[in-house]
């Protein structure tokens, strides 16, 4: 099956431990977590969210990631 890592927005500090945990993991990015994927050199399998906190300068390889869009309205 494998391990999934979900990248969220917020602060992220790259450490050897983080790199070790990401090695071989399948990645999903949630909203602004796509920026962390970019910083870590990862291409997620899926990008989910309402896309209200997406960096405007995404490289083409990240812009091509499949997306699952959810409404911005919160309950």
PDB file of N, CA and C in Angstrom:
ATOM      1  N   UNK A   1       0.824  -1.193   0.000  1.00  0.00           N
ATOM      2  CA  UNK A   1       0.000   0.000   0.000  1.00  0.00           C
ATOM      3  C   UNK A   1       0.864   1.252   0.000  1.00  0.00           C
ATOM      4  N   UNK A   2       1.690   1.465   1.001  1.00  0.00           N
ATOM      5  CA  UNK A   2       2.557   2.635   1.027  1.00  0.00           C
ATOM      6  C   UNK A   2       2.101   3.682   2.019  1.00  0.00           C
ATOM      7  N   UNK A   3       2.962   4.642   2.221  1.00  0.00           N
ATOM      8  CA  UNK A   3       2.696   5.733   3.152  1.00  0.00           C
ATOM      9  C   UNK A   3       2.331   6.982   2.379  1.00  0.00           C
ATOM     10  N   UNK A   4       1.299   7.674   2.849  1.00  0.00           N
ATOM     11  CA  UNK A   4       0.929   8.960   2.279  1.00  0.00           C
ATOM     12  C   UNK A   4       1.371  10.065   3.215  1.00  0.00           C
ATOM     13  N   UNK A   5       1.824  11.159   2.643  1.00  0.00           N
ATOM     14  CA  UNK A   5       2.126  12.369   3.390  1.00  0.00           C
ATOM     15  C   UNK A   5       1.229  13.460   2.842  1.00  0.00           C
ATOM     16  N   UNK A   6       0.529  14.164   3.747  1.00  0.00           N
ATOM     17  CA  UNK A   6      -0.319  15.278   3.343  1.00  0.00           C
ATOM     18  C   UNK A   6       0.389  16.557   3.750  1.00  0.00           C
ATOM     19  N   UNK A   7       0.712  17.376   2.767  1.00  0.00           N
ATOM     20  CA  UNK A   7       1.386  18.646   3.018  1.00  0.00           C
ATOM     21  C   UNK A   7       0.338  19.742   3.163  1.00  0.00           C
ATOM     22  N   UNK A   8       0.371  20.431   4.294  1.00  0.00           N
ATOM     23  CA  UNK A   8      -0.551  21.518   4.590  1.00  0.00           C
ATOM     24  C   UNK A   8       0.180  22.841   4.498  1.00  0.00           C
ATOM     25  N   UNK A   9      -0.549  23.938   4.622  1.00  0.00           N
ATOM     26  CA  UNK A   9       0.075  25.259   4.671  1.00  0.00           C
ATOM     27  C   UNK A   9       0.699  25.485   6.041  1.00  0.00           C
ATOM     28  N   UNK A  10       1.223  26.659   6.267  1.00  0.00           N
ATOM     29  CA  UNK A  10       1.849  26.981   7.550  1.00  0.00           C
ATOM     30  C   UNK A  10       3.358  26.917   7.453  1.00  0.00           C
ATOM     31  N   UNK A  11       3.992  27.004   8.608  1.00  0.00           N
ATOM     32  CA  UNK A  11       5.451  26.995   8.659  1.00  0.00           C
ATOM     33  C   UNK A  11       5.978  25.574   8.468  1.00  0.00           C
ATOM     34  N   UNK A  12       7.075  25.474   7.758  1.00  0.00           N
ATOM     35  CA  UNK A  12       7.723  24.185   7.545  1.00  0.00           C
ATOM     36  C   UNK A  12       9.224  24.391   7.629  1.00  0.00           C
ATOM     37  N   UNK A  13       9.860  23.584   8.458  1.00  0.00           N
ATOM     38  CA  UNK A  13      11.314  23.612   8.581  1.00  0.00           C
ATOM     39  C   UNK A  13      11.835  22.287   8.041  1.00  0.00           C
ATOM     40  N   UNK A  14      12.680  22.376   7.047  1.00  0.00           N
ATOM     41  CA  UNK A  14      13.242  21.164   6.453  1.00  0.00           C
ATOM     42  C   UNK A  14      14.364  20.644   7.339  1.00  0.00           C
ATOM     43  N   UNK A  15      14.240  19.388   7.727  1.00  0.00           N
ATOM     44  CA  UNK A  15      15.236  18.736   8.571  1.00  0.00           C
ATOM     45  C   UNK A  15      15.578  17.372   7.965  1.00  0.00           C
ATOM     46  N   UNK A  16      16.682  16.775   8.382  1.00  0.00           N
ATOM     47  CA  UNK A  16      16.991  15.421   7.917  1.00  0.00           C
ATOM     48  C   UNK A  16      15.877  14.425   8.279  1.00  0.00           C
ATOM     49  N   UNK A  17      15.264  14.609   9.431  1.00  0.00           N
ATOM     50  CA  UNK A  17      14.171  13.714   9.837  1.00  0.00           C
ATOM     51  C   UNK A  17      12.994  13.833   8.871  1.00  0.00           C
ATOM     52  N   UNK A  18      12.636  15.057   8.505  1.00  0.00           N
ATOM     53  CA  UNK A  18      11.543  15.262   7.552  1.00  0.00           C
ATOM     54  C   UNK A  18      11.880  14.600   6.220  1.00  0.00           C
ATOM     55  N   UNK A  19      13.086  14.828   5.725  1.00  0.00           N
ATOM     56  CA  UNK A  19      13.505  14.213   4.463  1.00  0.00           C
ATOM     57  C   UNK A  19      13.402  12.688   4.535  1.00  0.00           C
ATOM     58  N   UNK A  20      13.790  12.120   5.671  1.00  0.00           N
ATOM     59  CA  UNK A  20      13.718  10.676   5.863  1.00  0.00           C
ATOM     60  C   UNK A  20      12.270  10.192   5.832  1.00  0.00           C
ATOM     61  N   UNK A  21      11.374  10.945   6.465  1.00  0.00           N
ATOM     62  CA  UNK A  21       9.964  10.557   6.496  1.00  0.00           C
ATOM     63  C   UNK A  21       9.309  10.681   5.123  1.00  0.00           C
ATOM     64  N   UNK A  22       9.786  11.602   4.312  1.00  0.00           N
ATOM     65  CA  UNK A  22       9.217  11.801   2.981  1.00  0.00           C
ATOM     66  C   UNK A  22       9.756  10.809   1.955  1.00  0.00           C
ATOM     67  N   UNK A  23      10.895  10.216   2.237  1.00  0.00           N
ATOM     68  CA  UNK A  23      11.523   9.298   1.280  1.00  0.00           C
ATOM     69  C   UNK A  23      10.580   8.143   0.959  1.00  0.00           C
ATOM     70  N   UNK A  24      10.191   8.042  -0.295  1.00  0.00           N
ATOM     71  CA  UNK A  24       9.326   6.954  -0.731  1.00  0.00           C
ATOM     72  C   UNK A  24       7.850   7.143  -0.442  1.00  0.00           C
ATOM     73  N   UNK A  25       7.479   8.227   0.219  1.00  0.00           N
ATOM     74  CA  UNK A  25       6.069   8.459   0.542  1.00  0.00           C
ATOM     75  C   UNK A  25       5.318   8.995  -0.669  1.00  0.00           C
ATOM     76  N   UNK A  26       4.050   8.664  -0.747  1.00  0.00           N
ATOM     77  CA  UNK A  26       3.167   9.253  -1.750  1.00  0.00           C
ATOM     78  C   UNK A  26       2.652  10.555  -1.152  1.00  0.00           C
ATOM     79  N   UNK A  27       2.528  11.599  -1.974  1.00  0.00           N
ATOM     80  CA  UNK A  27       2.260  12.941  -1.455  1.00  0.00           C
ATOM     81  C   UNK A  27       0.948  13.498  -1.993  1.00  0.00           C
ATOM     82  N   UNK A  28       0.183  14.103  -1.072  1.00  0.00           N
ATOM     83  CA  UNK A  28      -1.007  14.887  -1.394  1.00  0.00           C
ATOM     84  C   UNK A  28      -0.765  16.273  -0.823  1.00  0.00           C
ATOM     85  N   UNK A  29      -1.061  17.305  -1.598  1.00  0.00           N
ATOM     86  CA  UNK A  29      -0.927  18.682  -1.116  1.00  0.00           C
ATOM     87  C   UNK A  29      -2.319  19.246  -0.865  1.00  0.00           C
ATOM     88  N   UNK A  30      -2.473  19.947   0.249  1.00  0.00           N
ATOM     89  CA  UNK A  30      -3.730  20.617   0.571  1.00  0.00           C
ATOM     90  C   UNK A  30      -3.493  22.116   0.498  1.00  0.00           C
ATOM     91  N   UNK A  31      -4.213  22.773  -0.396  1.00  0.00           N
ATOM     92  CA  UNK A  31      -4.116  24.221  -0.599  1.00  0.00           C
ATOM     93  C   UNK A  31      -2.667  24.680  -0.694  1.00  0.00           C
ATOM     94  N   UNK A  32      -2.260  25.567   0.236  1.00  0.00           N
ATOM     95  CA  UNK A  32      -0.926  26.153   0.195  1.00  0.00           C
ATOM     96  C   UNK A  32       0.196  25.164   0.430  1.00  0.00           C
ATOM     97  N   UNK A  33      -0.133  23.925   0.798  1.00  0.00           N
ATOM     98  CA  UNK A  33       0.881  22.890   0.948  1.00  0.00           C
ATOM     99  C   UNK A  33       1.622  22.618  -0.354  1.00  0.00           C
ATOM    100  N   UNK A  34       1.054  23.078  -1.469  1.00  0.00           N
ATOM    101  CA  UNK A  34       1.729  22.918  -2.758  1.00  0.00           C
ATOM    102  C   UNK A  34       3.049  23.690  -2.770  1.00  0.00           C
ATOM    103  N   UNK A  35       3.097  24.797  -2.031  1.00  0.00           N
ATOM    104  CA  UNK A  35       4.340  25.562  -1.916  1.00  0.00           C
ATOM    105  C   UNK A  35       5.419  24.766  -1.196  1.00  0.00           C
ATOM    106  N   UNK A  36       5.009  23.996  -0.187  1.00  0.00           N
ATOM    107  CA  UNK A  36       5.966  23.133   0.512  1.00  0.00           C
ATOM    108  C   UNK A  36       6.453  22.021  -0.418  1.00  0.00           C
ATOM    109  N   UNK A  37       5.536  21.483  -1.215  1.00  0.00           N
ATOM    110  CA  UNK A  37       5.944  20.455  -2.177  1.00  0.00           C
ATOM    111  C   UNK A  37       7.010  21.009  -3.102  1.00  0.00           C
ATOM    112  N   UNK A  38       6.796  22.211  -3.554  1.00  0.00           N
ATOM    113  CA  UNK A  38       7.764  22.862  -4.451  1.00  0.00           C
ATOM    114  C   UNK A  38       9.115  23.018  -3.760  1.00  0.00           C
ATOM    115  N   UNK A  39       9.093  23.511  -2.517  1.00  0.00           N
ATOM    116  CA  UNK A  39      10.325  23.727  -1.763  1.00  0.00           C
ATOM    117  C   UNK A  39      11.065  22.412  -1.505  1.00  0.00           C
ATOM    118  N   UNK A  40      10.304  21.331  -1.331  1.00  0.00           N
ATOM    119  CA  UNK A  40      10.899  20.031  -1.039  1.00  0.00           C
ATOM    120  C   UNK A  40      11.256  19.248  -2.302  1.00  0.00           C
ATOM    121  N   UNK A  41      10.925  19.797  -3.465  1.00  0.00           N
ATOM    122  CA  UNK A  41      11.221  19.122  -4.720  1.00  0.00           C
ATOM    123  C   UNK A  41      10.313  17.933  -4.991  1.00  0.00           C
ATOM    124  N   UNK A  42       9.085  17.982  -4.462  1.00  0.00           N
ATOM    125  CA  UNK A  42       8.137  16.883  -4.619  1.00  0.00           C
ATOM    126  C   UNK A  42       7.017  17.269  -5.577  1.00  0.00           C
ATOM    127  N   UNK A  43       6.512  16.299  -6.309  1.00  0.00           N
ATOM    128  CA  UNK A  43       5.326  16.506  -7.139  1.00  0.00           C
ATOM    129  C   UNK A  43       4.216  15.636  -6.562  1.00  0.00           C
ATOM    130  N   UNK A  44       3.195  16.254  -5.966  1.00  0.00           N
ATOM    131  CA  UNK A  44       2.113  15.472  -5.363  1.00  0.00           C
ATOM    132  C   UNK A  44       1.301  14.713  -6.409  1.00  0.00           C
ATOM    133  N   UNK A  45       0.684  13.623  -5.968  1.00  0.00           N
ATOM    134  CA  UNK A  45      -0.241  12.870  -6.818  1.00  0.00           C
ATOM    135  C   UNK A  45      -1.567  13.606  -6.958  1.00  0.00           C
ATOM    136  N   UNK A  46      -1.919  14.382  -5.933  1.00  0.00           N
ATOM    137  CA  UNK A  46      -3.213  15.049  -5.890  1.00  0.00           C
ATOM    138  C   UNK A  46      -3.066  16.343  -5.109  1.00  0.00           C
ATOM    139  N   UNK A  47      -3.848  17.322  -5.516  1.00  0.00           N
ATOM    140  CA  UNK A  47      -3.844  18.634  -4.864  1.00  0.00           C
ATOM    141  C   UNK A  47      -5.287  18.943  -4.519  1.00  0.00           C
ATOM    142  N   UNK A  48      -5.601  19.102  -3.230  1.00  0.00           N
ATOM    143  CA  UNK A  48      -6.976  19.315  -2.781  1.00  0.00           C
ATOM    144  C   UNK A  48      -7.122  20.657  -2.084  1.00  0.00           C
ATOM    145  N   UNK A  49      -8.344  21.190  -2.088  1.00  0.00           N
ATOM    146  CA  UNK A  49      -8.638  22.408  -1.345  1.00  0.00           C
ATOM    147  C   UNK A  49      -9.515  23.356  -2.120  1.00  0.00           C
ATOM    148  N   UNK A  50      -9.669  24.564  -1.565  1.00  0.00           N
ATOM    149  CA  UNK A  50     -10.441  25.602  -2.259  1.00  0.00           C
ATOM    150  C   UNK A  50      -9.524  26.542  -3.035  1.00  0.00           C
ATOM    151  N   UNK A  51      -8.229  26.341  -2.903  1.00  0.00           N
ATOM    152  CA  UNK A  51      -7.207  27.049  -3.672  1.00  0.00           C
ATOM    153  C   UNK A  51      -7.198  28.556  -3.413  1.00  0.00           C
ATOM    154  N   UNK A  52      -7.539  28.933  -2.170  1.00  0.00           N
ATOM    155  CA  UNK A  52      -7.531  30.353  -1.809  1.00  0.00           C
ATOM    156  C   UNK A  52      -6.160  30.832  -1.351  1.00  0.00           C
ATOM    157  N   UNK A  53      -5.227  29.917  -1.135  1.00  0.00           N
ATOM    158  CA  UNK A  53      -3.894  30.311  -0.660  1.00  0.00           C
ATOM    159  C   UNK A  53      -2.799  29.727  -1.546  1.00  0.00           C
ATOM    160  N   UNK A  54      -3.052  29.709  -2.832  1.00  0.00           N
ATOM    161  CA  UNK A  54      -2.115  29.111  -3.781  1.00  0.00           C
ATOM    162  C   UNK A  54      -1.121  30.157  -4.274  1.00  0.00           C
ATOM    163  N   UNK A  55       0.169  29.848  -4.243  1.00  0.00           N
ATOM    164  CA  UNK A  55       1.158  30.779  -4.784  1.00  0.00           C
ATOM    165  C   UNK A  55       0.920  31.009  -6.279  1.00  0.00           C
ATOM    166  N   UNK A  56       1.048  32.251  -6.744  1.00  0.00           N
ATOM    167  CA  UNK A  56       0.749  32.555  -8.148  1.00  0.00           C
ATOM    168  C   UNK A  56       1.825  32.091  -9.136  1.00  0.00           C
ATOM    169  N   UNK A  57       3.007  31.776  -8.654  1.00  0.00           N
ATOM    170  CA  UNK A  57       4.132  31.482  -9.550  1.00  0.00           C
ATOM    171  C   UNK A  57       4.511  30.000  -9.563  1.00  0.00           C
ATOM    172  N   UNK A  58       3.527  29.135  -9.765  1.00  0.00           N
ATOM    173  CA  UNK A  58       3.810  27.704  -9.770  1.00  0.00           C
ATOM    174  C   UNK A  58       4.484  27.280 -11.064  1.00  0.00           C
ATOM    175  N   UNK A  59       5.480  26.415 -10.954  1.00  0.00           N
ATOM    176  CA  UNK A  59       6.085  25.884 -12.180  1.00  0.00           C
ATOM    177  C   UNK A  59       5.098  24.953 -12.887  1.00  0.00           C
ATOM    178  N   UNK A  60       5.319  24.731 -14.165  1.00  0.00           N
ATOM    179  CA  UNK A  60       4.396  23.934 -14.976  1.00  0.00           C
ATOM    180  C   UNK A  60       4.161  22.534 -14.420  1.00  0.00           C
ATOM    181  N   UNK A  61       5.196  21.902 -13.846  1.00  0.00           N
ATOM    182  CA  UNK A  61       5.007  20.534 -13.356  1.00  0.00           C
ATOM    183  C   UNK A  61       4.025  20.478 -12.196  1.00  0.00           C
ATOM    184  N   UNK A  62       3.946  21.523 -11.374  1.00  0.00           N
ATOM    185  CA  UNK A  62       2.977  21.535 -10.282  1.00  0.00           C
ATOM    186  C   UNK A  62       1.602  21.989 -10.755  1.00  0.00           C
ATOM    187  N   UNK A  63       1.563  22.847 -11.751  1.00  0.00           N
ATOM    188  CA  UNK A  63       0.276  23.290 -12.287  1.00  0.00           C
ATOM    189  C   UNK A  63      -0.468  22.129 -12.936  1.00  0.00           C
ATOM    190  N   UNK A  64       0.246  21.091 -13.337  1.00  0.00           N
ATOM    191  CA  UNK A  64      -0.365  19.941 -13.997  1.00  0.00           C
ATOM    192  C   UNK A  64      -0.850  18.866 -13.020  1.00  0.00           C
ATOM    193  N   UNK A  65      -0.652  19.059 -11.713  1.00  0.00           N
ATOM    194  CA  UNK A  65      -1.081  18.071 -10.720  1.00  0.00           C
ATOM    195  C   UNK A  65      -2.613  18.008 -10.705  1.00  0.00           C
ATOM    196  N   UNK A  66      -3.205  16.804 -10.715  1.00  0.00           N
ATOM    197  CA  UNK A  66      -4.664  16.690 -10.647  1.00  0.00           C
ATOM    198  C   UNK A  66      -5.208  17.375  -9.392  1.00  0.00           C
ATOM    199  N   UNK A  67      -6.365  18.028  -9.539  1.00  0.00           N
ATOM    200  CA  UNK A  67      -6.943  18.806  -8.432  1.00  0.00           C
ATOM    201  C   UNK A  67      -8.331  18.309  -8.053  1.00  0.00           C
ATOM    202  N   UNK A  68      -8.602  18.351  -6.759  1.00  0.00           N
ATOM    203  CA  UNK A  68      -9.941  18.104  -6.218  1.00  0.00           C
ATOM    204  C   UNK A  68     -10.354  19.410  -5.558  1.00  0.00           C
ATOM    205  N   UNK A  69     -11.291  20.129  -6.174  1.00  0.00           N
ATOM    206  CA  UNK A  69     -11.669  21.466  -5.714  1.00  0.00           C
ATOM    207  C   UNK A  69     -12.861  21.378  -4.770  1.00  0.00           C
ATOM    208  N   UNK A  70     -12.749  22.084  -3.640  1.00  0.00           N
ATOM    209  CA  UNK A  70     -13.824  22.182  -2.659  1.00  0.00           C
ATOM    210  C   UNK A  70     -14.248  23.636  -2.545  1.00  0.00           C
ATOM    211  N   UNK A  71     -15.506  23.907  -2.183  1.00  0.00           N
ATOM    212  CA  UNK A  71     -15.971  25.295  -2.085  1.00  0.00           C
ATOM    213  C   UNK A  71     -15.239  26.058  -0.988  1.00  0.00           C
ATOM    214  N   UNK A  72     -15.068  27.356  -1.202  1.00  0.00           N
ATOM    215  CA  UNK A  72     -14.392  28.211  -0.219  1.00  0.00           C
ATOM    216  C   UNK A  72     -15.284  28.496   0.983  1.00  0.00           C
ATOM    217  N   UNK A  73     -16.596  28.380   0.832  1.00  0.00           N
ATOM    218  CA  UNK A  73     -17.505  28.640   1.946  1.00  0.00           C
ATOM    219  C   UNK A  73     -17.296  27.598   3.033  1.00  0.00           C
ATOM    220  N   UNK A  74     -17.204  28.057   4.253  1.00  0.00           N
ATOM    221  CA  UNK A  74     -17.009  27.156   5.387  1.00  0.00           C
ATOM    222  C   UNK A  74     -18.329  26.997   6.136  1.00  0.00           C
ATOM    223  N   UNK A  75     -18.547  25.824   6.743  1.00  0.00           N
ATOM    224  CA  UNK A  75     -19.768  25.583   7.532  1.00  0.00           C
ATOM    225  C   UNK A  75     -19.768  26.396   8.793  1.00  0.00           C
TER     226      UNK A  75
END
